[in-house]
């Protein structure tokens, strides 16, 4: 579902990463979008589509290519498997 709609929101790459908070590991999707893309619009559009179609919420983070990232997102875009690209 995410990969099918990602390009519509400026998506370039979609990765599936794992976060390890104190209460256990959780899957998160990291969508890399073109620099200058609307990050909030991409997040809202994809999250809304997931809810309308599947009645589900998936952990999703949207980051811009070429911008500095926090350590957890930098690690995700470096080592997490890429599951889609435009």
C-alpha atoms as a PDB file:
ATOM      1  CA  UNK A   1       0.000   0.000   0.000  1.00  0.00           C
ATOM      2  CA  UNK A   2       2.715   2.507   0.937  1.00  0.00           C
ATOM      3  CA  UNK A   3       4.826   1.735  -2.104  1.00  0.00           C
ATOM      4  CA  UNK A   4       1.815   2.081  -4.404  1.00  0.00           C
ATOM      5  CA  UNK A   5       1.124   5.657  -3.248  1.00  0.00           C
ATOM      6  CA  UNK A   6       4.593   6.881  -2.261  1.00  0.00           C
ATOM      7  CA  UNK A   7       5.482   8.470  -5.620  1.00  0.00           C
ATOM      8  CA  UNK A   8       2.295  10.532  -5.562  1.00  0.00           C
ATOM      9  CA  UNK A   9       3.668  12.266  -2.458  1.00  0.00           C
ATOM     10  CA  UNK A  10       7.181  12.885  -3.759  1.00  0.00           C
ATOM     11  CA  UNK A  11       8.577   9.584  -2.511  1.00  0.00           C
ATOM     12  CA  UNK A  12      11.939   8.416  -3.798  1.00  0.00           C
ATOM     13  CA  UNK A  13      12.701   5.423  -1.532  1.00  0.00           C
ATOM     14  CA  UNK A  14      10.832   3.417   1.066  1.00  0.00           C
ATOM     15  CA  UNK A  15      12.671   1.451   3.716  1.00  0.00           C
ATOM     16  CA  UNK A  16      11.549  -0.918   6.464  1.00  0.00           C
ATOM     17  CA  UNK A  17      13.515  -0.430   9.667  1.00  0.00           C
ATOM     18  CA  UNK A  18      13.329  -1.616  13.260  1.00  0.00           C
ATOM     19  CA  UNK A  19      13.319   0.584  16.338  1.00  0.00           C
ATOM     20  CA  UNK A  20      14.284  -0.869  19.678  1.00  0.00           C
ATOM     21  CA  UNK A  21      12.459   1.068  22.387  1.00  0.00           C
ATOM     22  CA  UNK A  22      12.491  -0.262  25.967  1.00  0.00           C
ATOM     23  CA  UNK A  23       9.189  -2.121  25.440  1.00  0.00           C
ATOM     24  CA  UNK A  24      10.450  -4.189  22.481  1.00  0.00           C
ATOM     25  CA  UNK A  25      11.410  -3.865  18.823  1.00  0.00           C
ATOM     26  CA  UNK A  26       8.928  -2.227  16.456  1.00  0.00           C
ATOM     27  CA  UNK A  27       8.820  -2.034  12.672  1.00  0.00           C
ATOM     28  CA  UNK A  28       8.768   1.437  11.143  1.00  0.00           C
ATOM     29  CA  UNK A  29       8.629   2.558   7.524  1.00  0.00           C
ATOM     30  CA  UNK A  30      10.898   5.420   6.470  1.00  0.00           C
ATOM     31  CA  UNK A  31       9.926   7.245   3.294  1.00  0.00           C
ATOM     32  CA  UNK A  32      12.602   9.393   1.695  1.00  0.00           C
ATOM     33  CA  UNK A  33      11.125  12.204  -0.384  1.00  0.00           C
ATOM     34  CA  UNK A  34      12.636  14.715  -2.767  1.00  0.00           C
ATOM     35  CA  UNK A  35      14.182  17.773  -1.194  1.00  0.00           C
ATOM     36  CA  UNK A  36      11.529  20.479  -0.976  1.00  0.00           C
ATOM     37  CA  UNK A  37       8.610  18.023  -0.854  1.00  0.00           C
ATOM     38  CA  UNK A  38       5.885  18.608   1.704  1.00  0.00           C
ATOM     39  CA  UNK A  39       6.867  16.227   4.539  1.00  0.00           C
ATOM     40  CA  UNK A  40       3.677  16.704   6.523  1.00  0.00           C
ATOM     41  CA  UNK A  41       1.547  16.375   3.392  1.00  0.00           C
ATOM     42  CA  UNK A  42       3.262  13.095   2.480  1.00  0.00           C
ATOM     43  CA  UNK A  43       2.816  11.731   5.995  1.00  0.00           C
ATOM     44  CA  UNK A  44      -0.836  12.795   6.210  1.00  0.00           C
ATOM     45  CA  UNK A  45      -1.674  11.568   2.714  1.00  0.00           C
ATOM     46  CA  UNK A  46      -0.157   8.125   3.190  1.00  0.00           C
ATOM     47  CA  UNK A  47      -1.414   7.667   6.755  1.00  0.00           C
ATOM     48  CA  UNK A  48      -4.900   8.745   5.709  1.00  0.00           C
ATOM     49  CA  UNK A  49      -4.930   6.337   2.782  1.00  0.00           C
ATOM     50  CA  UNK A  50      -3.869   3.455   5.034  1.00  0.00           C
ATOM     51  CA  UNK A  51      -6.700   4.254   7.396  1.00  0.00           C
ATOM     52  CA  UNK A  52      -9.358   4.608   4.697  1.00  0.00           C
ATOM     53  CA  UNK A  53      -8.388   1.465   2.798  1.00  0.00           C
ATOM     54  CA  UNK A  54      -7.133  -0.880   5.519  1.00  0.00           C
ATOM     55  CA  UNK A  55      -8.412   0.663   8.765  1.00  0.00           C
ATOM     56  CA  UNK A  56      -4.822   0.414  10.042  1.00  0.00           C
ATOM     57  CA  UNK A  57      -2.146   2.751  11.313  1.00  0.00           C
ATOM     58  CA  UNK A  58       1.452   1.926  10.425  1.00  0.00           C
ATOM     59  CA  UNK A  59       4.492   3.614  11.949  1.00  0.00           C
ATOM     60  CA  UNK A  60       5.692   5.958   9.210  1.00  0.00           C
ATOM     61  CA  UNK A  61       8.453   8.548   9.162  1.00  0.00           C
ATOM     62  CA  UNK A  62       8.967  10.907   6.227  1.00  0.00           C
ATOM     63  CA  UNK A  63      12.395  12.452   5.681  1.00  0.00           C
ATOM     64  CA  UNK A  64      13.820  14.704   2.965  1.00  0.00           C
ATOM     65  CA  UNK A  65      16.801  13.542   0.914  1.00  0.00           C
ATOM     66  CA  UNK A  66      19.907  15.661   1.356  1.00  0.00           C
ATOM     67  CA  UNK A  67      18.926  17.024   4.784  1.00  0.00           C
ATOM     68  CA  UNK A  68      20.666  16.211   8.094  1.00  0.00           C
ATOM     69  CA  UNK A  69      18.812  13.492  10.014  1.00  0.00           C
ATOM     70  CA  UNK A  70      18.638  12.425  13.660  1.00  0.00           C
ATOM     71  CA  UNK A  71      20.816   9.356  14.389  1.00  0.00           C
ATOM     72  CA  UNK A  72      17.971   6.808  14.301  1.00  0.00           C
ATOM     73  CA  UNK A  73      16.737   7.996  10.892  1.00  0.00           C
ATOM     74  CA  UNK A  74      20.280   8.318   9.512  1.00  0.00           C
ATOM     75  CA  UNK A  75      20.899   4.694  10.483  1.00  0.00           C
ATOM     76  CA  UNK A  76      17.618   3.612   8.882  1.00  0.00           C
ATOM     77  CA  UNK A  77      18.370   5.213   5.521  1.00  0.00           C
ATOM     78  CA  UNK A  78      21.883   3.746   5.608  1.00  0.00           C
ATOM     79  CA  UNK A  79      21.293   0.104   6.561  1.00  0.00           C
ATOM     80  CA  UNK A  80      17.557  -0.682   6.477  1.00  0.00           C
ATOM     81  CA  UNK A  81      16.371  -2.710   3.491  1.00  0.00           C
ATOM     82  CA  UNK A  82      14.926  -0.667   0.666  1.00  0.00           C
ATOM     83  CA  UNK A  83      11.547  -2.090  -0.295  1.00  0.00           C
ATOM     84  CA  UNK A  84      10.625   0.400  -3.028  1.00  0.00           C
ATOM     85  CA  UNK A  85      12.230   3.123  -5.138  1.00  0.00           C
ATOM     86  CA  UNK A  86      10.961   5.435  -7.843  1.00  0.00           C
END
